[in-house]
Structure formats: structure tokens, C-alpha cells
Amino acid sequence: MSETVVVQNVYKKYKMYKSTKEKLLDVILPQGCGEDFYALQAISFTANKGDVIGLIGMNGSGKSTLSNIIGGVIPPSSGTVKTVGQTSIIAISSGLNNQLTGRENIELKCLMLGFKKKEIQEMEEEIIEFADIGKFTDQPVKMYSSGMKSRLGFAISVTVNPDILIIDEALSVGDHVFAQKSKDKMFEFKEKGKTIFFVSHSMGQVKEFCDKAIWLEFGEIKAYGPVNEVIPDYEHFLKKHKAMTKEEQKEYRQEIMKKQKGIAVIG
């Protein structure tokens, strides 16, 4: 199997400020100011052609950060990410300009992906038909519901035929008919040997769509492997976490935050 995504020792560090003053001092002072916060630490894995990988984990575990790094939206603080072929990321309203109409967003997004005017015109009707947003096609995106934004973003991303597709919670909104159409397209992509990353809190969807899963726990990979091995362990963890008292959950979170605030050193 040929490798399509290779992530090696990736970290993503942000600065946390208590005030605007701290933010300014961070720029001025040689030693900086504010607390370090590691959204991702020591992330390494390889994906191959045809892999459909679920990215799972509790809120704040770094799923969207990792998605955006793989998709080239944001750079890692350190480490390397190698992708083979065109990458497309689908998140609710991702890459859409609220002031432009749906049709104008189609043209803008496709131009940014390197398509020529004639190619865009040939794809436009297919995108509009897939999105199924009717008269809203020529209305500003700011008037769209989250479901319509997601459908338009999904329609653009799948029609441009990427080699690597990243779907970040985009199927959590919208109706059943569109969800089924999206699933059919995902399975079609899988059959063509494309690589898909699927971010979702729905374990049912992950089990249905994915053959592998990456379990992120507050910025680190807890497990990576076949869905039927990773998901049961994750569901057991969720059950234990839910059974904790509020105080126990708070203590657990505080321990994790110590690592995310820079106690772990970039290697």
C-alpha cells in the first residue's frame, strides 16, 4: 500500500494570555509573556491509499487542530507533515465567505484550488445539484443555516475530486437524505483508493464509515489501529469518565492541563 499522509513528531503550540497587555508584552519582551499551551504533542502516524480513518476524542483533544494541519490550513509548530496529492477539508462553513453568494463561493474556492474559469463553469451545476440548496445558491452565505453551509462546502470539496479528504463534523448537520448521499460519495472515494479522515463524536458513524481510528486524548495519540480494536477501548474510557464525580473529572482535567501547558518538552 502506498503512503499518502505521513505525520512525524508534530507539535502545535499556542500562547494563552490573561489580558491584551500580556499579548503585547509577549511581542516586546525578549523572554516573552503568557502561558504555553500544546494543542498537539508528539503526533506521529502514517495513512495509506484507501484508508478511512476516524479521528475521535473528547472536546479539546486536538481533532480539529490535527485536521487543519493535515489539510494545510495551519502549520505545525514543529515536526513534519507529508501529503501526496490534493487535499480538501470539509468543516461547517470552512473556507466560505459569508458576504458572497453560494455561487460566488464556488467560483472563489475553485479558483483558489487552481481550477480555470472554464473548468469551474463545467463543475458548477454538478456542485449546485449535489448541495441541493435551491434558491439560496444566489443568496449571501450569511443567510444560510449551518446545514446549508455544510452541504455547500461538502459539495465543492467532493466535486473537485481530492486525493485526501478531511471531514470535520460536517455530517452532524443536515437532513437524512443529504447524509446518505454524502455517505455514498465517501464509499465511492474509498473504492477509488482515496484517503479519508473523518472527525466525529458519533461512534455509530465512525464504525460505519471507517476501518481505522486515531484516538486523541488532550493533544496526544492514545491509540491508532483498526476500528474494532480502538473504539471499544475509547467507549470504555467514556463510560469510566462519565461515572466520575464532577470533582474527579476536574482533577483529571487539571492533570492533563499540566502536560498541555508545557511541562512536556518538544523533542
Protein backbone atom coordinates (compact mmCIF):
# COMPACT_ATOMS: atom_id res chain seq x y z
CA MET A 1 0.00 0.00 0.00
CA SER A 2 1.32 3.44 -0.85
CA GLU A 3 1.60 6.14 1.81
CA THR A 4 -0.48 9.29 1.28
CA VAL A 5 -0.07 11.07 4.63
CA VAL A 6 3.00 10.84 6.85
CA VAL A 7 2.93 12.82 10.12
CA GLN A 8 6.15 12.81 12.13
CA ASN A 9 6.60 14.18 15.66
CA VAL A 10 4.15 17.06 15.18
CA TYR A 11 3.59 19.61 17.94
CA LYS A 12 1.25 22.60 17.87
CA LYS A 13 1.89 25.28 20.48
CA TYR A 14 -0.26 28.31 21.19
CA LYS A 15 0.14 31.12 23.71
CA MET A 16 -2.56 31.75 26.31
CA TYR A 17 -2.91 35.32 27.58
CA LYS A 18 -4.80 36.63 30.60
CA SER A 19 -5.15 40.08 29.05
CA THR A 20 -4.41 42.21 25.98
CA LYS A 21 -1.47 43.66 27.94
CA GLU A 22 0.13 40.21 28.21
CA LYS A 23 -0.29 39.72 24.47
CA LEU A 24 1.56 42.99 23.77
CA LEU A 25 4.30 42.16 26.29
CA ASP A 26 4.83 38.81 24.56
CA VAL A 27 5.83 40.71 21.42
CA ILE A 28 8.01 43.26 23.24
CA LEU A 29 9.81 41.25 25.94
CA PRO A 30 12.77 39.04 24.89
CA GLN A 31 11.64 36.27 27.26
CA GLY A 32 8.05 36.61 26.06
CA CYS A 33 4.88 36.55 28.15
CA GLY A 34 1.85 34.32 28.60
CA GLU A 35 1.48 30.58 29.10
CA ASP A 36 2.40 27.97 26.51
CA PHE A 37 -0.39 25.60 25.54
CA TYR A 38 0.28 22.47 23.48
CA ALA A 39 -2.81 21.57 21.43
CA LEU A 40 -0.82 18.65 19.95
CA GLN A 41 2.23 16.79 21.24
CA ALA A 42 4.43 14.16 19.58
CA ILE A 43 1.88 13.20 16.91
CA SER A 44 3.20 10.54 14.51
CA PHE A 45 1.27 8.21 12.19
CA THR A 46 1.03 7.08 8.56
CA ALA A 47 -2.06 6.79 6.35
CA ASN A 48 -2.25 4.82 3.11
CA LYS A 49 -4.33 4.95 -0.07
CA GLY A 50 -7.86 3.77 0.63
CA ASP A 51 -7.66 4.32 4.40
CA VAL A 52 -10.77 5.76 6.04
CA ILE A 53 -9.61 6.96 9.44
CA GLY A 54 -11.84 8.21 12.24
CA LEU A 55 -10.40 10.95 14.46
CA ILE A 56 -12.01 10.51 17.85
CA GLY A 57 -11.60 12.04 21.29
CA MET A 58 -13.30 14.31 23.80
CA ASN A 59 -13.78 18.02 23.17
CA GLY A 60 -10.41 19.80 23.34
CA SER A 61 -8.40 16.73 22.37
CA GLY A 62 -6.96 18.34 19.23
CA LYS A 63 -9.03 16.67 16.49
CA SER A 64 -9.78 19.85 14.53
CA THR A 65 -6.24 21.17 15.07
CA LEU A 66 -4.80 17.97 13.60
CA SER A 67 -7.31 18.10 10.72
CA ASN A 68 -6.30 21.66 9.89
CA ILE A 69 -2.60 20.78 9.96
CA ILE A 70 -3.09 17.77 7.64
CA GLY A 71 -5.21 19.98 5.37
CA GLY A 72 -2.54 22.71 5.25
CA VAL A 73 -4.80 25.32 6.86
CA ILE A 74 -2.37 25.91 9.74
CA PRO A 75 1.31 24.93 10.11
CA PRO A 76 2.68 22.74 12.92
CA SER A 77 4.96 24.41 15.48
CA SER A 78 7.45 21.60 14.88
CA GLY A 79 7.56 18.24 13.16
CA THR A 80 6.69 17.39 9.55
CA VAL A 81 3.57 16.54 7.55
CA LYS A 82 3.90 14.99 4.10
CA THR A 83 0.83 14.59 1.89
CA VAL A 84 0.65 13.07 -1.59
CA GLY A 85 -1.92 14.65 -3.93
CA GLN A 86 -4.56 17.33 -3.47
CA THR A 87 -6.11 17.71 -0.01
CA SER A 88 -9.58 19.07 0.68
CA ILE A 89 -11.05 19.82 4.12
CA ILE A 90 -14.75 19.98 4.87
CA ALA A 91 -15.90 21.65 8.06
CA ILE A 92 -19.05 23.62 8.76
CA SER A 93 -18.63 26.90 6.80
CA SER A 94 -14.92 26.14 6.27
CA GLY A 95 -13.45 28.33 3.55
CA LEU A 96 -16.77 30.07 2.78
CA ASN A 97 -17.05 33.85 2.61
CA ASN A 98 -20.26 34.94 4.38
CA GLN A 99 -20.57 38.10 2.27
CA LEU A 100 -20.52 36.23 -1.06
CA THR A 101 -23.32 34.14 -2.56
CA GLY A 102 -23.12 30.38 -2.79
CA ARG A 103 -22.33 30.60 -6.50
CA GLU A 104 -19.59 33.17 -5.90
CA ASN A 105 -18.12 30.97 -3.17
CA ILE A 106 -18.00 28.03 -5.57
CA GLU A 107 -16.01 30.11 -8.04
CA LEU A 108 -13.69 31.56 -5.39
CA LYS A 109 -12.97 28.20 -3.72
CA CYS A 110 -12.29 26.51 -7.08
CA LEU A 111 -10.04 29.36 -8.24
CA MET A 112 -8.06 29.02 -5.01
CA LEU A 113 -7.66 25.30 -5.76
CA GLY A 114 -6.13 26.16 -9.14
CA PHE A 115 -9.05 25.47 -11.50
CA LYS A 116 -9.53 27.60 -14.62
CA LYS A 117 -12.71 29.58 -15.30
CA LYS A 118 -13.92 27.12 -17.95
CA GLU A 119 -13.33 24.12 -15.63
CA ILE A 120 -15.27 25.85 -12.86
CA GLN A 121 -18.22 26.54 -15.18
CA GLU A 122 -18.27 22.85 -16.12
CA MET A 123 -18.31 21.79 -12.44
CA GLU A 124 -20.69 24.48 -11.15
CA GLU A 125 -24.01 22.78 -11.92
CA GLU A 126 -22.80 19.47 -10.51
CA ILE A 127 -21.83 21.24 -7.27
CA ILE A 128 -25.16 23.09 -7.06
CA GLU A 129 -27.12 19.90 -7.72
CA PHE A 130 -25.20 17.95 -5.05
CA ALA A 131 -25.56 20.74 -2.44
CA ASP A 132 -29.32 20.94 -3.11
CA ILE A 133 -29.74 24.40 -1.56
CA GLY A 134 -32.19 25.63 -4.21
CA LYS A 135 -32.80 29.36 -4.45
CA PHE A 136 -30.20 30.03 -1.77
CA THR A 137 -27.45 29.38 -4.36
CA ASP A 138 -27.59 33.06 -5.31
CA GLN A 139 -28.08 34.41 -1.78
CA PRO A 140 -25.26 35.52 0.59
CA VAL A 141 -23.87 32.65 2.66
CA LYS A 142 -24.54 34.68 5.83
CA MET A 143 -28.21 33.81 5.29
CA TYR A 144 -27.51 30.06 5.30
CA SER A 145 -28.20 27.66 8.12
CA SER A 146 -25.24 25.63 9.39
CA GLY A 147 -26.66 22.67 7.47
CA MET A 148 -26.70 24.56 4.17
CA LYS A 149 -23.13 25.81 4.71
CA SER A 150 -22.00 22.28 5.40
CA ARG A 151 -23.76 20.94 2.31
CA LEU A 152 -22.25 23.58 0.05
CA GLY A 153 -18.76 23.02 1.49
CA PHE A 154 -19.12 19.26 1.11
CA ALA A 155 -20.42 19.57 -2.46
CA ILE A 156 -17.49 21.77 -3.53
CA SER A 157 -14.90 19.56 -1.84
CA VAL A 158 -16.09 16.24 -3.27
CA THR A 159 -16.72 17.59 -6.78
CA VAL A 160 -13.12 18.85 -7.15
CA ASN A 161 -12.12 15.20 -6.63
CA PRO A 162 -9.34 15.44 -4.00
CA ASP A 163 -6.88 12.65 -3.22
CA ILE A 164 -7.15 13.25 0.54
CA LEU A 165 -10.50 14.24 2.05
CA ILE A 166 -10.85 15.56 5.62
CA ILE A 167 -14.39 15.76 7.01
CA ASP A 168 -14.68 17.63 10.32
CA GLU A 169 -18.15 17.15 11.87
CA ALA A 170 -19.71 18.16 8.53
CA LEU A 171 -22.19 15.27 8.59
CA SER A 172 -23.50 16.18 12.04
CA VAL A 173 -25.82 18.75 10.46
CA GLY A 174 -28.26 18.45 7.59
CA ASP A 175 -31.06 16.05 6.72
CA HIS A 176 -31.08 12.27 6.32
CA VAL A 177 -31.22 12.38 2.51
CA PHE A 178 -28.07 14.51 2.25
CA ALA A 179 -26.29 12.41 4.88
CA GLN A 180 -26.97 9.28 2.83
CA LYS A 181 -25.78 10.99 -0.36
CA SER A 182 -22.60 12.06 1.45
CA LYS A 183 -22.03 8.52 2.75
CA ASP A 184 -22.42 7.11 -0.76
CA LYS A 185 -19.83 9.60 -2.04
CA MET A 186 -17.42 8.69 0.75
CA PHE A 187 -17.67 4.98 -0.04
CA GLU A 188 -17.19 5.80 -3.73
CA PHE A 189 -14.00 7.70 -2.83
CA LYS A 190 -12.80 4.79 -0.72
CA GLU A 191 -13.27 2.40 -3.66
CA LYS A 192 -11.15 4.76 -5.78
CA GLY A 193 -8.31 4.46 -3.24
CA LYS A 194 -8.62 7.95 -1.76
CA THR A 195 -7.62 8.66 1.84
CA ILE A 196 -10.35 9.96 4.14
CA PHE A 197 -10.10 11.41 7.65
CA PHE A 198 -13.45 11.58 9.43
CA VAL A 199 -13.85 13.66 12.60
CA SER A 200 -16.98 12.84 14.56
CA HIS A 201 -18.40 12.39 18.06
CA SER A 202 -20.79 9.78 16.64
CA MET A 203 -19.26 6.37 17.27
CA GLY A 204 -22.02 4.87 15.13
CA GLN A 205 -20.87 6.89 12.11
CA VAL A 206 -17.20 6.11 12.78
CA LYS A 207 -17.96 2.37 12.98
CA GLU A 208 -19.96 2.57 9.75
CA PHE A 209 -17.54 4.70 7.69
CA CYS A 210 -14.07 3.93 9.00
CA ASP A 211 -11.71 0.97 9.04
CA LYS A 212 -9.13 2.66 11.30
CA ALA A 213 -9.30 5.15 14.17
CA ILE A 214 -6.94 7.60 15.86
CA TRP A 215 -7.91 8.26 19.47
CA LEU A 216 -6.63 11.65 20.60
CA GLU A 217 -6.55 12.40 24.30
CA PHE A 218 -5.83 16.06 25.00
CA GLY A 219 -3.27 16.51 22.25
CA GLU A 220 -1.62 13.09 22.26
CA ILE A 221 -2.35 9.86 20.40
CA LYS A 222 -3.80 7.38 22.89
CA ALA A 223 -4.32 4.65 20.27
CA TYR A 224 -4.17 4.12 16.49
CA GLY A 225 -5.37 0.98 14.82
CA PRO A 226 -8.38 -0.95 13.47
CA VAL A 227 -11.77 0.48 14.45
CA ASN A 228 -12.85 -2.77 16.09
CA GLU A 229 -9.87 -2.51 18.48
CA VAL A 230 -9.75 1.25 19.20
CA ILE A 231 -13.45 2.08 19.53
CA PRO A 232 -14.26 -0.42 22.33
CA ASP A 233 -11.35 0.94 24.40
CA TYR A 234 -12.49 4.52 23.77
CA GLU A 235 -16.10 3.73 24.66
CA HIS A 236 -14.89 2.05 27.88
CA PHE A 237 -12.91 5.22 28.69
CA LEU A 238 -16.00 7.40 28.06
CA LYS A 239 -18.08 5.18 30.35
CA LYS A 240 -15.49 5.48 33.13
CA HIS A 241 -15.20 9.25 32.63
CA LYS A 242 -18.98 9.68 32.77
CA ALA A 243 -19.08 7.69 36.01
CA MET A 244 -16.60 10.08 37.68
CA THR A 245 -17.85 12.71 40.07
CA LYS A 246 -17.53 16.35 38.95
CA GLU A 247 -14.61 16.75 41.32
CA GLU A 248 -12.83 13.67 39.88
CA GLN A 249 -13.39 14.95 36.33
CA LYS A 250 -11.94 18.32 37.37
CA GLU A 251 -8.85 16.68 38.90
CA TYR A 252 -8.37 14.56 35.77
CA ARG A 253 -8.61 17.63 33.54
CA GLN A 254 -6.12 19.55 35.73
CA GLU A 255 -3.56 16.73 35.42
CA ILE A 256 -3.93 16.74 31.64
CA MET A 257 -3.65 20.56 31.52
CA LYS A 258 -0.24 20.36 33.23
CA LYS A 259 1.09 18.48 30.21
CA GLN A 260 -0.62 20.83 27.75
CA LYS A 261 0.85 23.90 29.48
CA GLY A 262 4.41 23.00 28.56
CA ILE A 263 5.67 20.51 31.08
CA ALA A 264 6.25 18.22 28.09
CA VAL A 265 9.29 19.44 26.18
CA ILE A 266 9.42 19.46 22.37
CA GLY A 267 11.73 16.72 21.20
